[in-house]
Amino acid sequence: MRVLQAPTEAMPELAQFLEPFRVHFARSEGPAALERYLTGLLTEQPDKNCDTIAQVVPGTSEQRLQGLLTEMIWDEDDLNRQRVRRMLPAHRGQCRPDLR
């Protein structure tokens, strides 16, 4: 999904996808920063970095996005394992039967 303009509120599909990952963040602002960052990645903005994302995504700032990527404490390994577990069924559903 690509969006032309970043919405002020979380997109329902993205919020639903991210909900199970909230437990991996030590601080409450982590999930919100992640949602805003991913929303920015889904925009049509051609050059995506913390500065340009902050310019087109309401409710965030370059500092908050930089903090997410460089300073935020989260259980990266466990989050990645959970992400892979959630993505595998969707991937398997798209494979040809002879490749499973």
PDB file of N, CA and C in Angstrom:
ATOM      1  N   MET A   1       0.848  -1.171   0.000  1.00  0.00           N
ATOM      2  CA  MET A   1       0.000   0.000   0.000  1.00  0.00           C
ATOM      3  C   MET A   1       0.894   1.234   0.000  1.00  0.00           C
ATOM      4  N   ARG A   2       0.597   2.185  -0.856  1.00  0.00           N
ATOM      5  CA  ARG A   2       1.294   3.466  -0.917  1.00  0.00           C
ATOM      6  C   ARG A   2       0.258   4.555  -0.713  1.00  0.00           C
ATOM      7  N   VAL A   3       0.611   5.582   0.012  1.00  0.00           N
ATOM      8  CA  VAL A   3      -0.322   6.670   0.253  1.00  0.00           C
ATOM      9  C   VAL A   3       0.269   7.969  -0.276  1.00  0.00           C
ATOM     10  N   LEU A   4      -0.594   8.805  -0.853  1.00  0.00           N
ATOM     11  CA  LEU A   4      -0.133  10.078  -1.384  1.00  0.00           C
ATOM     12  C   LEU A   4       0.175  11.057  -0.267  1.00  0.00           C
ATOM     13  N   GLN A   5      -0.704  11.151   0.689  1.00  0.00           N
ATOM     14  CA  GLN A   5      -0.532  12.071   1.807  1.00  0.00           C
ATOM     15  C   GLN A   5      -0.648  11.280   3.095  1.00  0.00           C
ATOM     16  N   ALA A   6       0.269  11.506   4.000  1.00  0.00           N
ATOM     17  CA  ALA A   6       0.267  10.782   5.265  1.00  0.00           C
ATOM     18  C   ALA A   6      -0.903  11.252   6.126  1.00  0.00           C
ATOM     19  N   PRO A   7      -1.694  10.327   6.625  1.00  0.00           N
ATOM     20  CA  PRO A   7      -2.814  10.704   7.481  1.00  0.00           C
ATOM     21  C   PRO A   7      -2.331  11.112   8.877  1.00  0.00           C
ATOM     22  N   THR A   8      -3.156  11.896   9.543  1.00  0.00           N
ATOM     23  CA  THR A   8      -2.844  12.319  10.908  1.00  0.00           C
ATOM     24  C   THR A   8      -2.942  11.144  11.865  1.00  0.00           C
ATOM     25  N   GLU A   9      -3.930  10.334  11.692  1.00  0.00           N
ATOM     26  CA  GLU A   9      -4.143   9.162  12.537  1.00  0.00           C
ATOM     27  C   GLU A   9      -3.539   7.926  11.871  1.00  0.00           C
ATOM     28  N   ALA A  10      -3.265   6.931  12.677  1.00  0.00           N
ATOM     29  CA  ALA A  10      -2.720   5.676  12.151  1.00  0.00           C
ATOM     30  C   ALA A  10      -3.714   5.041  11.178  1.00  0.00           C
ATOM     31  N   MET A  11      -3.189   4.519  10.082  1.00  0.00           N
ATOM     32  CA  MET A  11      -4.031   3.783   9.152  1.00  0.00           C
ATOM     33  C   MET A  11      -4.493   2.508   9.860  1.00  0.00           C
ATOM     34  N   PRO A  12      -5.774   2.180   9.805  1.00  0.00           N
ATOM     35  CA  PRO A  12      -6.281   1.025  10.549  1.00  0.00           C
ATOM     36  C   PRO A  12      -5.526  -0.272  10.262  1.00  0.00           C
ATOM     37  N   GLU A  13      -5.207  -0.525   9.001  1.00  0.00           N
ATOM     38  CA  GLU A  13      -4.511  -1.768   8.655  1.00  0.00           C
ATOM     39  C   GLU A  13      -3.115  -1.807   9.271  1.00  0.00           C
ATOM     40  N   LEU A  14      -2.421  -0.684   9.246  1.00  0.00           N
ATOM     41  CA  LEU A  14      -1.082  -0.618   9.829  1.00  0.00           C
ATOM     42  C   LEU A  14      -1.146  -0.726  11.343  1.00  0.00           C
ATOM     43  N   ALA A  15      -2.092  -0.047  11.969  1.00  0.00           N
ATOM     44  CA  ALA A  15      -2.250  -0.127  13.423  1.00  0.00           C
ATOM     45  C   ALA A  15      -2.536  -1.559  13.861  1.00  0.00           C
ATOM     46  N   GLN A  16      -3.391  -2.243  13.122  1.00  0.00           N
ATOM     47  CA  GLN A  16      -3.716  -3.638  13.444  1.00  0.00           C
ATOM     48  C   GLN A  16      -2.483  -4.524  13.289  1.00  0.00           C
ATOM     49  N   PHE A  17      -1.715  -4.320  12.236  1.00  0.00           N
ATOM     50  CA  PHE A  17      -0.507  -5.108  12.024  1.00  0.00           C
ATOM     51  C   PHE A  17       0.509  -4.877  13.138  1.00  0.00           C
ATOM     52  N   LEU A  18       0.665  -3.642  13.578  1.00  0.00           N
ATOM     53  CA  LEU A  18       1.678  -3.294  14.575  1.00  0.00           C
ATOM     54  C   LEU A  18       1.291  -3.619  16.017  1.00  0.00           C
ATOM     55  N   GLU A  19       0.007  -3.773  16.295  1.00  0.00           N
ATOM     56  CA  GLU A  19      -0.456  -3.969  17.676  1.00  0.00           C
ATOM     57  C   GLU A  19       0.306  -5.064  18.434  1.00  0.00           C
ATOM     58  N   PRO A  20       0.509  -6.254  17.885  1.00  0.00           N
ATOM     59  CA  PRO A  20       1.214  -7.302  18.632  1.00  0.00           C
ATOM     60  C   PRO A  20       2.681  -6.967  18.923  1.00  0.00           C
ATOM     61  N   PHE A  21       3.247  -6.014  18.203  1.00  0.00           N
ATOM     62  CA  PHE A  21       4.652  -5.676  18.391  1.00  0.00           C
ATOM     63  C   PHE A  21       4.885  -4.672  19.522  1.00  0.00           C
ATOM     64  N   ARG A  22       3.827  -4.094  20.060  1.00  0.00           N
ATOM     65  CA  ARG A  22       3.950  -3.078  21.113  1.00  0.00           C
ATOM     66  C   ARG A  22       4.728  -3.594  22.325  1.00  0.00           C
ATOM     67  N   VAL A  23       4.605  -4.864  22.614  1.00  0.00           N
ATOM     68  CA  VAL A  23       5.241  -5.423  23.815  1.00  0.00           C
ATOM     69  C   VAL A  23       6.761  -5.379  23.749  1.00  0.00           C
ATOM     70  N   HIS A  24       7.336  -5.145  22.601  1.00  0.00           N
ATOM     71  CA  HIS A  24       8.790  -5.168  22.454  1.00  0.00           C
ATOM     72  C   HIS A  24       9.454  -3.842  22.807  1.00  0.00           C
ATOM     73  N   PHE A  25       8.669  -2.836  23.084  1.00  0.00           N
ATOM     74  CA  PHE A  25       9.210  -1.519  23.386  1.00  0.00           C
ATOM     75  C   PHE A  25       9.211  -1.264  24.880  1.00  0.00           C
ATOM     76  N   ALA A  26      10.332  -0.763  25.385  1.00  0.00           N
ATOM     77  CA  ALA A  26      10.464  -0.469  26.804  1.00  0.00           C
ATOM     78  C   ALA A  26       9.706   0.809  27.177  1.00  0.00           C
ATOM     79  N   ARG A  27       9.547   1.727  26.240  1.00  0.00           N
ATOM     80  CA  ARG A  27       8.884   3.002  26.521  1.00  0.00           C
ATOM     81  C   ARG A  27       7.652   3.154  25.644  1.00  0.00           C
ATOM     82  N   SER A  28       6.672   3.860  26.146  1.00  0.00           N
ATOM     83  CA  SER A  28       5.382   3.971  25.460  1.00  0.00           C
ATOM     84  C   SER A  28       5.451   4.737  24.141  1.00  0.00           C
ATOM     85  N   GLU A  29       6.425   5.632  23.971  1.00  0.00           N
ATOM     86  CA  GLU A  29       6.474   6.395  22.722  1.00  0.00           C
ATOM     87  C   GLU A  29       7.044   5.589  21.555  1.00  0.00           C
ATOM     88  N   GLY A  30       7.627   4.448  21.827  1.00  0.00           N
ATOM     89  CA  GLY A  30       8.200   3.620  20.771  1.00  0.00           C
ATOM     90  C   GLY A  30       7.210   3.172  19.720  1.00  0.00           C
ATOM     91  N   PRO A  31       6.094   2.550  20.118  1.00  0.00           N
ATOM     92  CA  PRO A  31       5.133   2.108  19.097  1.00  0.00           C
ATOM     93  C   PRO A  31       4.586   3.248  18.248  1.00  0.00           C
ATOM     94  N   ALA A  32       4.350   4.408  18.858  1.00  0.00           N
ATOM     95  CA  ALA A  32       3.838   5.554  18.088  1.00  0.00           C
ATOM     96  C   ALA A  32       4.884   6.035  17.091  1.00  0.00           C
ATOM     97  N   ALA A  33       6.129   6.092  17.505  1.00  0.00           N
ATOM     98  CA  ALA A  33       7.195   6.518  16.593  1.00  0.00           C
ATOM     99  C   ALA A  33       7.349   5.519  15.450  1.00  0.00           C
ATOM    100  N   LEU A  34       7.254   4.230  15.750  1.00  0.00           N
ATOM    101  CA  LEU A  34       7.350   3.214  14.705  1.00  0.00           C
ATOM    102  C   LEU A  34       6.208   3.353  13.710  1.00  0.00           C
ATOM    103  N   GLU A  35       5.000   3.578  14.195  1.00  0.00           N
ATOM    104  CA  GLU A  35       3.845   3.741  13.307  1.00  0.00           C
ATOM    105  C   GLU A  35       4.040   4.946  12.391  1.00  0.00           C
ATOM    106  N   ARG A  36       4.506   6.072  12.938  1.00  0.00           N
ATOM    107  CA  ARG A  36       4.724   7.268  12.126  1.00  0.00           C
ATOM    108  C   ARG A  36       5.836   7.047  11.111  1.00  0.00           C
ATOM    109  N   TYR A  37       6.899   6.354  11.515  1.00  0.00           N
ATOM    110  CA  TYR A  37       8.008   6.065  10.606  1.00  0.00           C
ATOM    111  C   TYR A  37       7.536   5.189   9.439  1.00  0.00           C
ATOM    112  N   LEU A  38       6.810   4.117   9.752  1.00  0.00           N
ATOM    113  CA  LEU A  38       6.320   3.228   8.695  1.00  0.00           C
ATOM    114  C   LEU A  38       5.306   3.927   7.806  1.00  0.00           C
ATOM    115  N   THR A  39       4.480   4.792   8.393  1.00  0.00           N
ATOM    116  CA  THR A  39       3.557   5.585   7.582  1.00  0.00           C
ATOM    117  C   THR A  39       4.341   6.416   6.585  1.00  0.00           C
ATOM    118  N   GLY A  40       5.441   7.012   7.028  1.00  0.00           N
ATOM    119  CA  GLY A  40       6.289   7.789   6.132  1.00  0.00           C
ATOM    120  C   GLY A  40       6.881   6.954   5.019  1.00  0.00           C
ATOM    121  N   LEU A  41       7.262   5.730   5.338  1.00  0.00           N
ATOM    122  CA  LEU A  41       7.814   4.850   4.311  1.00  0.00           C
ATOM    123  C   LEU A  41       6.772   4.474   3.266  1.00  0.00           C
ATOM    124  N   LEU A  42       5.505   4.496   3.642  1.00  0.00           N
ATOM    125  CA  LEU A  42       4.427   4.153   2.720  1.00  0.00           C
ATOM    126  C   LEU A  42       3.983   5.326   1.852  1.00  0.00           C
ATOM    127  N   THR A  43       4.487   6.526   2.106  1.00  0.00           N
ATOM    128  CA  THR A  43       4.082   7.687   1.313  1.00  0.00           C
ATOM    129  C   THR A  43       4.796   7.690  -0.035  1.00  0.00           C
ATOM    130  N   GLU A  44       4.353   8.560  -0.893  1.00  0.00           N
ATOM    131  CA  GLU A  44       4.961   8.735  -2.207  1.00  0.00           C
ATOM    132  C   GLU A  44       6.185   9.650  -2.149  1.00  0.00           C
ATOM    133  N   GLN A  45       6.556  10.093  -0.960  1.00  0.00           N
ATOM    134  CA  GLN A  45       7.753  10.936  -0.786  1.00  0.00           C
ATOM    135  C   GLN A  45       8.935  10.232  -1.457  1.00  0.00           C
ATOM    136  N   PRO A  46       9.612  10.873  -2.415  1.00  0.00           N
ATOM    137  CA  PRO A  46      10.664  10.177  -3.155  1.00  0.00           C
ATOM    138  C   PRO A  46      11.927   9.896  -2.342  1.00  0.00           C
ATOM    139  N   ASP A  47      12.359  10.829  -1.541  1.00  0.00           N
ATOM    140  CA  ASP A  47      13.570  10.644  -0.738  1.00  0.00           C
ATOM    141  C   ASP A  47      13.152  10.458   0.703  1.00  0.00           C
ATOM    142  N   LYS A  48      13.390   9.275   1.227  1.00  0.00           N
ATOM    143  CA  LYS A  48      12.915   8.970   2.571  1.00  0.00           C
ATOM    144  C   LYS A  48      14.075   8.905   3.553  1.00  0.00           C
ATOM    145  N   ASN A  49      14.079   9.877   4.455  1.00  0.00           N
ATOM    146  CA  ASN A  49      14.975   9.864   5.599  1.00  0.00           C
ATOM    147  C   ASN A  49      14.198  10.518   6.738  1.00  0.00           C
ATOM    148  N   CYS A  50      14.763  10.570   7.906  1.00  0.00           N
ATOM    149  CA  CYS A  50      14.016  11.087   9.057  1.00  0.00           C
ATOM    150  C   CYS A  50      13.533  12.511   8.845  1.00  0.00           C
ATOM    151  N   ASP A  51      14.331  13.336   8.202  1.00  0.00           N
ATOM    152  CA  ASP A  51      13.948  14.722   7.961  1.00  0.00           C
ATOM    153  C   ASP A  51      12.784  14.812   6.984  1.00  0.00           C
ATOM    154  N   THR A  52      12.885  14.142   5.839  1.00  0.00           N
ATOM    155  CA  THR A  52      11.822  14.247   4.840  1.00  0.00           C
ATOM    156  C   THR A  52      10.537  13.557   5.303  1.00  0.00           C
ATOM    157  N   ILE A  53      10.667  12.465   6.034  1.00  0.00           N
ATOM    158  CA  ILE A  53       9.470  11.806   6.572  1.00  0.00           C
ATOM    159  C   ILE A  53       8.770  12.731   7.565  1.00  0.00           C
ATOM    160  N   ALA A  54       9.531  13.369   8.448  1.00  0.00           N
ATOM    161  CA  ALA A  54       8.942  14.272   9.436  1.00  0.00           C
ATOM    162  C   ALA A  54       8.209  15.437   8.767  1.00  0.00           C
ATOM    163  N   GLN A  55       8.651  15.832   7.589  1.00  0.00           N
ATOM    164  CA  GLN A  55       8.003  16.930   6.871  1.00  0.00           C
ATOM    165  C   GLN A  55       6.649  16.547   6.295  1.00  0.00           C
ATOM    166  N   VAL A  56       6.437  15.266   5.989  1.00  0.00           N
ATOM    167  CA  VAL A  56       5.177  14.855   5.338  1.00  0.00           C
ATOM    168  C   VAL A  56       4.265  14.025   6.237  1.00  0.00           C
ATOM    169  N   VAL A  57       4.737  13.678   7.431  1.00  0.00           N
ATOM    170  CA  VAL A  57       3.926  12.860   8.337  1.00  0.00           C
ATOM    171  C   VAL A  57       3.563  13.687   9.571  1.00  0.00           C
ATOM    172  N   PRO A  58       2.285  13.995   9.729  1.00  0.00           N
ATOM    173  CA  PRO A  58       1.863  14.749  10.902  1.00  0.00           C
ATOM    174  C   PRO A  58       2.109  13.956  12.196  1.00  0.00           C
ATOM    175  N   GLY A  59       2.367  14.678  13.271  1.00  0.00           N
ATOM    176  CA  GLY A  59       2.480  14.039  14.574  1.00  0.00           C
ATOM    177  C   GLY A  59       3.836  13.444  14.879  1.00  0.00           C
ATOM    178  N   THR A  60       4.860  13.855  14.159  1.00  0.00           N
ATOM    179  CA  THR A  60       6.198  13.362  14.455  1.00  0.00           C
ATOM    180  C   THR A  60       7.219  14.461  14.175  1.00  0.00           C
ATOM    181  N   SER A  61       8.461  14.153  14.447  1.00  0.00           N
ATOM    182  CA  SER A  61       9.545  15.100  14.191  1.00  0.00           C
ATOM    183  C   SER A  61      10.781  14.316  13.786  1.00  0.00           C
ATOM    184  N   GLU A  62      11.723  15.002  13.182  1.00  0.00           N
ATOM    185  CA  GLU A  62      12.974  14.350  12.817  1.00  0.00           C
ATOM    186  C   GLU A  62      13.645  13.755  14.058  1.00  0.00           C
ATOM    187  N   GLN A  63      13.631  14.491  15.158  1.00  0.00           N
ATOM    188  CA  GLN A  63      14.256  14.025  16.396  1.00  0.00           C
ATOM    189  C   GLN A  63      13.604  12.732  16.899  1.00  0.00           C
ATOM    190  N   ARG A  64      12.295  12.664  16.865  1.00  0.00           N
ATOM    191  CA  ARG A  64      11.595  11.466  17.332  1.00  0.00           C
ATOM    192  C   ARG A  64      11.922  10.260  16.443  1.00  0.00           C
ATOM    193  N   LEU A  65      11.954  10.474  15.142  1.00  0.00           N
ATOM    194  CA  LEU A  65      12.266   9.379  14.226  1.00  0.00           C
ATOM    195  C   LEU A  65      13.717   8.932  14.367  1.00  0.00           C
ATOM    196  N   GLN A  66      14.629   9.886  14.528  1.00  0.00           N
ATOM    197  CA  GLN A  66      16.035   9.544  14.764  1.00  0.00           C
ATOM    198  C   GLN A  66      16.174   8.750  16.062  1.00  0.00           C
ATOM    199  N   GLY A  67      15.437   9.171  17.082  1.00  0.00           N
ATOM    200  CA  GLY A  67      15.463   8.452  18.356  1.00  0.00           C
ATOM    201  C   GLY A  67      14.988   7.019  18.208  1.00  0.00           C
ATOM    202  N   LEU A  68      13.957   6.807  17.401  1.00  0.00           N
ATOM    203  CA  LEU A  68      13.471   5.454  17.146  1.00  0.00           C
ATOM    204  C   LEU A  68      14.578   4.590  16.557  1.00  0.00           C
ATOM    205  N   LEU A  69      15.287   5.131  15.606  1.00  0.00           N
ATOM    206  CA  LEU A  69      16.284   4.348  14.878  1.00  0.00           C
ATOM    207  C   LEU A  69      17.616   4.201  15.609  1.00  0.00           C
ATOM    208  N   THR A  70      17.939   5.137  16.487  1.00  0.00           N
ATOM    209  CA  THR A  70      19.282   5.105  17.092  1.00  0.00           C
ATOM    210  C   THR A  70      19.313   4.943  18.601  1.00  0.00           C
ATOM    211  N   GLU A  71      18.264   5.365  19.312  1.00  0.00           N
ATOM    212  CA  GLU A  71      18.332   5.378  20.768  1.00  0.00           C
ATOM    213  C   GLU A  71      17.255   4.557  21.466  1.00  0.00           C
ATOM    214  N   MET A  72      16.178   4.265  20.779  1.00  0.00           N
ATOM    215  CA  MET A  72      15.054   3.570  21.403  1.00  0.00           C
ATOM    216  C   MET A  72      15.472   2.161  21.802  1.00  0.00           C
ATOM    217  N   ILE A  73      15.063   1.758  22.986  1.00  0.00           N
ATOM    218  CA  ILE A  73      15.369   0.419  23.473  1.00  0.00           C
ATOM    219  C   ILE A  73      14.201  -0.494  23.116  1.00  0.00           C
ATOM    220  N   TRP A  74      14.515  -1.556  22.397  1.00  0.00           N
ATOM    221  CA  TRP A  74      13.512  -2.553  22.036  1.00  0.00           C
ATOM    222  C   TRP A  74      14.210  -3.886  21.887  1.00  0.00           C
ATOM    223  N   ASP A  75      13.441  -4.944  22.001  1.00  0.00           N
ATOM    224  CA  ASP A  75      13.995  -6.287  21.874  1.00  0.00           C
ATOM    225  C   ASP A  75      13.999  -6.647  20.395  1.00  0.00           C
ATOM    226  N   GLU A  76      15.063  -6.260  19.731  1.00  0.00           N
ATOM    227  CA  GLU A  76      15.157  -6.394  18.276  1.00  0.00           C
ATOM    228  C   GLU A  76      15.065  -7.853  17.818  1.00  0.00           C
ATOM    229  N   ASP A  77      15.767  -8.753  18.498  1.00  0.00           N
ATOM    230  CA  ASP A  77      15.753 -10.162  18.090  1.00  0.00           C
ATOM    231  C   ASP A  77      14.374 -10.778  18.243  1.00  0.00           C
ATOM    232  N   ASP A  78      13.720 -10.524  19.365  1.00  0.00           N
ATOM    233  CA  ASP A  78      12.400 -11.088  19.582  1.00  0.00           C
ATOM    234  C   ASP A  78      11.385 -10.463  18.623  1.00  0.00           C
ATOM    235  N   LEU A  79      11.488  -9.167  18.390  1.00  0.00           N
ATOM    236  CA  LEU A  79      10.593  -8.513  17.445  1.00  0.00           C
ATOM    237  C   LEU A  79      10.764  -9.109  16.049  1.00  0.00           C
ATOM    238  N   ASN A  80      11.990  -9.355  15.640  1.00  0.00           N
ATOM    239  CA  ASN A  80      12.234  -9.931  14.320  1.00  0.00           C
ATOM    240  C   ASN A  80      11.680 -11.352  14.224  1.00  0.00           C
ATOM    241  N   ARG A  81      11.856 -12.143  15.277  1.00  0.00           N
ATOM    242  CA  ARG A  81      11.280 -13.507  15.274  1.00  0.00           C
ATOM    243  C   ARG A  81       9.767 -13.450  15.137  1.00  0.00           C
ATOM    244  N   GLN A  82       9.137 -12.552  15.879  1.00  0.00           N
ATOM    245  CA  GLN A  82       7.687 -12.420  15.807  1.00  0.00           C
ATOM    246  C   GLN A  82       7.266 -11.960  14.404  1.00  0.00           C
ATOM    247  N   ARG A  83       7.994 -11.036  13.823  1.00  0.00           N
ATOM    248  CA  ARG A  83       7.679 -10.549  12.480  1.00  0.00           C
ATOM    249  C   ARG A  83       7.742 -11.690  11.468  1.00  0.00           C
ATOM    250  N   VAL A  84       8.783 -12.503  11.542  1.00  0.00           N
ATOM    251  CA  VAL A  84       8.934 -13.620  10.612  1.00  0.00           C
ATOM    252  C   VAL A  84       7.796 -14.625  10.806  1.00  0.00           C
ATOM    253  N   ARG A  85       7.445 -14.926  12.053  1.00  0.00           N
ATOM    254  CA  ARG A  85       6.327 -15.862  12.310  1.00  0.00           C
ATOM    255  C   ARG A  85       5.026 -15.352  11.706  1.00  0.00           C
ATOM    256  N   ARG A  86       4.809 -14.044  11.761  1.00  0.00           N
ATOM    257  CA  ARG A  86       3.574 -13.476  11.211  1.00  0.00           C
ATOM    258  C   ARG A  86       3.596 -13.422   9.698  1.00  0.00           C
ATOM    259  N   MET A  87       4.758 -13.253   9.098  1.00  0.00           N
ATOM    260  CA  MET A  87       4.852 -13.098   7.654  1.00  0.00           C
ATOM    261  C   MET A  87       4.877 -14.441   6.919  1.00  0.00           C
ATOM    262  N   LEU A  88       5.394 -15.485   7.535  1.00  0.00           N
ATOM    263  CA  LEU A  88       5.523 -16.775   6.856  1.00  0.00           C
ATOM    264  C   LEU A  88       4.209 -17.331   6.313  1.00  0.00           C
ATOM    265  N   PRO A  89       3.131 -17.331   7.078  1.00  0.00           N
ATOM    266  CA  PRO A  89       1.880 -17.873   6.517  1.00  0.00           C
ATOM    267  C   PRO A  89       1.437 -17.125   5.263  1.00  0.00           C
ATOM    268  N   ALA A  90       1.599 -15.824   5.234  1.00  0.00           N
ATOM    269  CA  ALA A  90       1.212 -15.057   4.044  1.00  0.00           C
ATOM    270  C   ALA A  90       2.105 -15.425   2.869  1.00  0.00           C
ATOM    271  N   HIS A  91       3.381 -15.595   3.129  1.00  0.00           N
ATOM    272  CA  HIS A  91       4.326 -15.960   2.070  1.00  0.00           C
ATOM    273  C   HIS A  91       4.028 -17.362   1.540  1.00  0.00           C
ATOM    274  N   ARG A  92       3.773 -18.281   2.432  1.00  0.00           N
ATOM    275  CA  ARG A  92       3.478 -19.662   2.004  1.00  0.00           C
ATOM    276  C   ARG A  92       2.223 -19.729   1.164  1.00  0.00           C
ATOM    277  N   GLY A  93       1.270 -18.874   1.475  1.00  0.00           N
ATOM    278  CA  GLY A  93       0.030 -18.854   0.694  1.00  0.00           C
ATOM    279  C   GLY A  93       0.236 -18.392  -0.727  1.00  0.00           C
ATOM    280  N   GLN A  94       1.322 -17.679  -0.992  1.00  0.00           N
ATOM    281  CA  GLN A  94       1.577 -17.161  -2.328  1.00  0.00           C
ATOM    282  C   GLN A  94       2.495 -18.056  -3.134  1.00  0.00           C
ATOM    283  N   CYS A  95       3.114 -19.058  -2.497  1.00  0.00           N
ATOM    284  CA  CYS A  95       4.041 -19.950  -3.205  1.00  0.00           C
ATOM    285  C   CYS A  95       3.260 -20.929  -4.077  1.00  0.00           C
ATOM    286  N   ARG A  96       3.905 -21.349  -5.144  1.00  0.00           N
ATOM    287  CA  ARG A  96       3.323 -22.414  -5.946  1.00  0.00           C
ATOM    288  C   ARG A  96       3.360 -23.706  -5.139  1.00  0.00           C
ATOM    289  N   PRO A  97       2.350 -24.562  -5.241  1.00  0.00           N
ATOM    290  CA  PRO A  97       2.322 -25.795  -4.452  1.00  0.00           C
ATOM    291  C   PRO A  97       3.568 -26.659  -4.611  1.00  0.00           C
ATOM    292  N   ASP A  98       4.159 -26.694  -5.793  1.00  0.00           N
ATOM    293  CA  ASP A  98       5.329 -27.552  -5.998  1.00  0.00           C
ATOM    294  C   ASP A  98       6.593 -26.974  -5.359  1.00  0.00           C
ATOM    295  N   LEU A  99       6.542 -25.737  -4.842  1.00  0.00           N
ATOM    296  CA  LEU A  99       7.712 -25.132  -4.204  1.00  0.00           C
ATOM    297  C   LEU A  99       7.673 -25.221  -2.682  1.00  0.00           C
ATOM    298  N   ARG A 100       6.616 -25.743  -2.114  1.00  0.00           N
ATOM    299  CA  ARG A 100       6.488 -25.812  -0.654  1.00  0.00           C
ATOM    300  C   ARG A 100       7.269 -26.945  -0.091  1.00  0.00           C
TER     301      ARG A 100
END
